[in-house]
Amino acid sequence: MNENKMNIKNILIVGAGFSGAVIARQLAEQGHVITVIDKREHIAGNSYDERDQKTDVMVHVYGPHIFHTDNEVVWNYVNKFSVMMPYINRVKATVRGQVFSLPINLHTINQFFSTTCSPDEAKNLISQKADKNITNPQTFEEQALSFIGSELYEAFFKGYTIKQWGMEPKDLPASILKRLPVRFNYDDNYFNHKYQGIPKDGYTQMIKNIFEHENITVRLNTNFCKDNVKEYDHVFYSGPLDEYFNYINGRLGYRTLDFEKGYYNGDYQGCAVMNYCSEDIPFTRITEHKYFSPWEKHEKSIYYKEYSRACTENDIPYYPIRQVGEMALLRDYLALAEKENNITFVGRLGTYRYLDMDVTIAEAMQTAEKYLDLLKTGETMPAFSVEVQ
């Protein structure tokens, strides 16, 4: 038998989102035979988008996805499979009967405090507002109070956080707020990354293009069972880690989202994303989807009111909670995973981490590269190719 034929592996990939697509393509291009399965009726996971029949607007079905990265390799990768259109995410927030820009910037500060501060004056103002008695913040609330003071915290973060996470900010780690910028200029770009955009033809088409290779077969509406592992040389699993083990130790905690869809003849809110920060308003934000495709023109509009709640057995998991109790449970599942053979757990669900799309793609590329390298040496592919905890 031809030696190259002997080295060709029969590989199963569970999940047709970004992790599964990128690994499939990387391995298929090296001659391996790839089967991709997904229990949903569509590819692209939570980045799935489709045209709304009433408006012809491209709708981000599971919530908005804006691609942003500083990773040039990843940016070049997505541009191979889609035309990436420039897009700047400019988020607005309705607070106390006014509309402000987010993240908090010089305009927000001046508007909120009815001032006309320069950048240095705004820094001094916020420094005076900050709680100096908190020297080592441990919680979200302490971090906010020590950073921006009670007024901005209660207006923009407290109620929104309670709605988004279903718990008091004093019960969340300080690390969550450290990711939220405050700017002392008028920059209202929500992200700081060098490359930002949205695929012209949508994420579903992008992932479809990634899958278009003669060595890749995609099967939708197909459930995974553990017996599948024995039928392949290796499995890359991007489904829920706890589901793989049939929740033997209990369920890892997630937040999920509900969407209330509405139509409007014209422009509903004048921007893509409007946050509602007050706790007395039940939804967290409204997204108007035609604004995610500013290169298109639409007379009619479709918008989603977004509600966050605890994820139950039949819900789609969105955000891993990763609190103390969840992390203890995660360690139990990681220990079980390490004992498995011929399987690698990948992606947001497989590693129980919140991952932006660019990080997901980068890790998938690294995972495929590691697998190919280990094939050459005969070493075993680990259960996790990245640091999970």
Foldseek 3Di string as FASTA:
>chain_A
DDPLVVLAWEEEEEAQALLRLLLVLLSVVSPHFYEYEYQAPAHHPQQDWDQDPVWRFIDSVQDDAKDFAQDVVLVVVLVVQFPWDDDFAWEWEQWPNDIDTPPAEQRNQCVVVVHNDALVRSVVVQCVQADPVLDDDFFCVNLCNNRRHDPCCLGAPQLLVCQAQVDGRRQHGNVVCVVGDHYHHDDRRRDDGPDIGAGQVGSRSSSVSSQPDPSYHYHYSDDDAPVVLVVTQAYEYAAALCVNVVVPVHDFKFKGKDKDKDKDQADDPPAQWYAYRHNVDQFGIKGWRNRNNVVDDTRMTMMIGMGIDIDDDPGDGDAGRPGPVNVVVLVVSVVVLQPDARYAFADCRSLVHDDRSSVRNVLSNVLSVVVVVCSVVVDGRGNYPDDRD
